[in-house]
């Protein structure tokens, strides 16, 4: 699984980093349980594009179908596709913008972090 963290830097811009998942062996490979406030599913059309924006609260995004390209202020991009996960923590500054990949709809689960 690909887990990417999107966070606000001291420079007022958003940045990406790869986050290794720490698995323990207890009846299978598990990560520590993290509390959540709720889950919301979002379906975006294949023409989806957003303007730059910061997130309003920390959340995970689990991509279920399609894919999204996310761009930050310095022009860096990251593509996320079905099976990938994103931890969104860019709550200040200019934020990020995104667009659907390949003209396909994007189905994702947004999980609000407690």
C-alpha atoms as a PDB file:
ATOM      1  CA  UNK A   1       0.000   0.000   0.000  1.00  0.00           C
ATOM      2  CA  UNK A   2       1.211   3.462  -0.887  1.00  0.00           C
ATOM      3  CA  UNK A   3       0.616   5.992   1.952  1.00  0.00           C
ATOM      4  CA  UNK A   4       1.461   9.597   1.139  1.00  0.00           C
ATOM      5  CA  UNK A   5       1.285  12.461   3.628  1.00  0.00           C
ATOM      6  CA  UNK A   6       0.327  15.941   2.402  1.00  0.00           C
ATOM      7  CA  UNK A   7       1.293  18.583   4.978  1.00  0.00           C
ATOM      8  CA  UNK A   8       1.805  22.336   5.463  1.00  0.00           C
ATOM      9  CA  UNK A   9       5.403  23.468   5.649  1.00  0.00           C
ATOM     10  CA  UNK A  10       6.864  26.455   7.490  1.00  0.00           C
ATOM     11  CA  UNK A  11       7.171  28.125   4.066  1.00  0.00           C
ATOM     12  CA  UNK A  12       3.371  28.354   3.721  1.00  0.00           C
ATOM     13  CA  UNK A  13       3.323  25.709   0.992  1.00  0.00           C
ATOM     14  CA  UNK A  14       2.110  22.119   1.014  1.00  0.00           C
ATOM     15  CA  UNK A  15       4.552  19.230   0.628  1.00  0.00           C
ATOM     16  CA  UNK A  16       4.478  15.451   0.099  1.00  0.00           C
ATOM     17  CA  UNK A  17       6.251  12.698   2.002  1.00  0.00           C
ATOM     18  CA  UNK A  18       6.057   8.911   1.876  1.00  0.00           C
ATOM     19  CA  UNK A  19       4.960   7.425   5.196  1.00  0.00           C
ATOM     20  CA  UNK A  20       6.081   3.895   6.026  1.00  0.00           C
ATOM     21  CA  UNK A  21       3.365   1.823   7.667  1.00  0.00           C
ATOM     22  CA  UNK A  22       4.429   0.064  10.881  1.00  0.00           C
ATOM     23  CA  UNK A  23       2.867  -3.410  10.876  1.00  0.00           C
ATOM     24  CA  UNK A  24       2.784  -5.807  13.799  1.00  0.00           C
ATOM     25  CA  UNK A  25       2.102  -9.534  13.532  1.00  0.00           C
ATOM     26  CA  UNK A  26      -1.054 -10.443  15.446  1.00  0.00           C
ATOM     27  CA  UNK A  27      -3.112 -12.863  13.410  1.00  0.00           C
ATOM     28  CA  UNK A  28      -1.869 -11.057  10.286  1.00  0.00           C
ATOM     29  CA  UNK A  29      -0.094  -7.799   9.594  1.00  0.00           C
ATOM     30  CA  UNK A  30      -1.828  -4.905  11.385  1.00  0.00           C
ATOM     31  CA  UNK A  31      -1.108  -1.229  11.912  1.00  0.00           C
ATOM     32  CA  UNK A  32      -2.025   0.474  15.186  1.00  0.00           C
ATOM     33  CA  UNK A  33      -5.691   1.454  15.453  1.00  0.00           C
ATOM     34  CA  UNK A  34      -6.339   5.166  14.931  1.00  0.00           C
ATOM     35  CA  UNK A  35      -9.512   6.878  16.131  1.00  0.00           C
ATOM     36  CA  UNK A  36     -11.808   8.401  13.508  1.00  0.00           C
ATOM     37  CA  UNK A  37     -14.778  10.797  13.651  1.00  0.00           C
ATOM     38  CA  UNK A  38     -16.568   9.469  10.575  1.00  0.00           C
ATOM     39  CA  UNK A  39     -16.374   8.388   6.968  1.00  0.00           C
ATOM     40  CA  UNK A  40     -17.703   9.971   3.800  1.00  0.00           C
ATOM     41  CA  UNK A  41     -17.600   8.576   0.272  1.00  0.00           C
ATOM     42  CA  UNK A  42     -17.003  11.014  -2.587  1.00  0.00           C
ATOM     43  CA  UNK A  43     -17.518  10.437  -6.279  1.00  0.00           C
ATOM     44  CA  UNK A  44     -15.888  12.966  -8.595  1.00  0.00           C
ATOM     45  CA  UNK A  45     -16.466  13.061 -12.366  1.00  0.00           C
ATOM     46  CA  UNK A  46     -13.641  12.345 -14.807  1.00  0.00           C
ATOM     47  CA  UNK A  47     -13.547  16.090 -15.565  1.00  0.00           C
ATOM     48  CA  UNK A  48     -12.898  17.015 -11.906  1.00  0.00           C
ATOM     49  CA  UNK A  49     -10.409  19.841 -11.234  1.00  0.00           C
ATOM     50  CA  UNK A  50     -10.055  21.911  -8.085  1.00  0.00           C
ATOM     51  CA  UNK A  51      -8.471  25.274  -7.343  1.00  0.00           C
ATOM     52  CA  UNK A  52      -5.745  25.563  -4.698  1.00  0.00           C
ATOM     53  CA  UNK A  53      -7.194  25.018  -1.240  1.00  0.00           C
ATOM     54  CA  UNK A  54      -6.105  23.932   2.231  1.00  0.00           C
ATOM     55  CA  UNK A  55      -7.905  21.110   4.017  1.00  0.00           C
ATOM     56  CA  UNK A  56     -10.356  22.101   6.730  1.00  0.00           C
ATOM     57  CA  UNK A  57      -9.422  19.172   9.009  1.00  0.00           C
ATOM     58  CA  UNK A  58      -7.004  16.218   8.977  1.00  0.00           C
ATOM     59  CA  UNK A  59      -8.291  13.156   7.151  1.00  0.00           C
ATOM     60  CA  UNK A  60      -7.294  10.028   5.304  1.00  0.00           C
ATOM     61  CA  UNK A  61      -8.377   9.465   1.713  1.00  0.00           C
ATOM     62  CA  UNK A  62      -8.551   5.883   0.458  1.00  0.00           C
ATOM     63  CA  UNK A  63      -8.785   5.716  -3.336  1.00  0.00           C
ATOM     64  CA  UNK A  64     -11.218   3.012  -4.438  1.00  0.00           C
ATOM     65  CA  UNK A  65     -11.662   3.642  -8.186  1.00  0.00           C
ATOM     66  CA  UNK A  66      -9.967   5.905 -10.707  1.00  0.00           C
ATOM     67  CA  UNK A  67      -7.093   8.185  -9.821  1.00  0.00           C
ATOM     68  CA  UNK A  68      -6.190  11.731  -8.893  1.00  0.00           C
ATOM     69  CA  UNK A  69      -3.152  13.922  -9.455  1.00  0.00           C
ATOM     70  CA  UNK A  70      -2.414  16.364  -6.637  1.00  0.00           C
ATOM     71  CA  UNK A  71      -0.208  19.408  -7.168  1.00  0.00           C
ATOM     72  CA  UNK A  72       1.419  21.619  -4.522  1.00  0.00           C
ATOM     73  CA  UNK A  73       2.712  25.187  -4.807  1.00  0.00           C
ATOM     74  CA  UNK A  74       6.198  24.382  -6.076  1.00  0.00           C
ATOM     75  CA  UNK A  75       4.712  22.444  -9.008  1.00  0.00           C
ATOM     76  CA  UNK A  76       5.445  18.999  -7.544  1.00  0.00           C
ATOM     77  CA  UNK A  77       2.740  16.436  -8.271  1.00  0.00           C
ATOM     78  CA  UNK A  78       1.792  13.053  -6.946  1.00  0.00           C
ATOM     79  CA  UNK A  79      -0.559  10.570  -8.577  1.00  0.00           C
ATOM     80  CA  UNK A  80      -2.790   8.393  -6.422  1.00  0.00           C
ATOM     81  CA  UNK A  81      -4.799   5.495  -7.818  1.00  0.00           C
ATOM     82  CA  UNK A  82      -7.132   2.782  -6.561  1.00  0.00           C
ATOM     83  CA  UNK A  83      -5.427   1.064  -3.641  1.00  0.00           C
ATOM     84  CA  UNK A  84      -3.436   4.139  -2.549  1.00  0.00           C
ATOM     85  CA  UNK A  85      -3.995   6.141   0.627  1.00  0.00           C
ATOM     86  CA  UNK A  86      -3.380   9.798   1.413  1.00  0.00           C
ATOM     87  CA  UNK A  87      -3.075  11.468   4.828  1.00  0.00           C
ATOM     88  CA  UNK A  88      -4.151  15.097   4.369  1.00  0.00           C
ATOM     89  CA  UNK A  89      -2.715  17.524   6.919  1.00  0.00           C
ATOM     90  CA  UNK A  90      -2.140  20.709   4.892  1.00  0.00           C
ATOM     91  CA  UNK A  91      -4.418  22.886   6.997  1.00  0.00           C
ATOM     92  CA  UNK A  92      -2.701  26.254   6.446  1.00  0.00           C
ATOM     93  CA  UNK A  93      -1.121  28.157   3.582  1.00  0.00           C
ATOM     94  CA  UNK A  94      -2.043  27.914  -0.101  1.00  0.00           C
ATOM     95  CA  UNK A  95      -2.747  24.202   0.047  1.00  0.00           C
ATOM     96  CA  UNK A  96      -3.037  21.929  -2.984  1.00  0.00           C
ATOM     97  CA  UNK A  97      -5.092  21.403  -6.117  1.00  0.00           C
ATOM     98  CA  UNK A  98      -6.141  18.194  -7.807  1.00  0.00           C
ATOM     99  CA  UNK A  99      -7.523  16.730 -10.996  1.00  0.00           C
ATOM    100  CA  UNK A 100      -8.980  13.400 -12.072  1.00  0.00           C
ATOM    101  CA  UNK A 101      -6.659  11.169 -14.116  1.00  0.00           C
ATOM    102  CA  UNK A 102      -7.444   9.580 -17.463  1.00  0.00           C
ATOM    103  CA  UNK A 103     -10.897  11.195 -17.684  1.00  0.00           C
ATOM    104  CA  UNK A 104     -12.263   8.546 -15.319  1.00  0.00           C
ATOM    105  CA  UNK A 105     -14.493   9.170 -12.285  1.00  0.00           C
ATOM    106  CA  UNK A 106     -12.760   9.044  -8.901  1.00  0.00           C
ATOM    107  CA  UNK A 107     -14.369   7.175  -5.993  1.00  0.00           C
ATOM    108  CA  UNK A 108     -12.719   7.725  -2.618  1.00  0.00           C
ATOM    109  CA  UNK A 109     -13.457   7.243   1.069  1.00  0.00           C
ATOM    110  CA  UNK A 110     -12.650  10.284   3.251  1.00  0.00           C
ATOM    111  CA  UNK A 111     -12.051   9.325   6.887  1.00  0.00           C
ATOM    112  CA  UNK A 112     -11.992  12.220   9.352  1.00  0.00           C
ATOM    113  CA  UNK A 113      -9.236  11.819  11.949  1.00  0.00           C
ATOM    114  CA  UNK A 114     -10.399  12.204  15.566  1.00  0.00           C
END
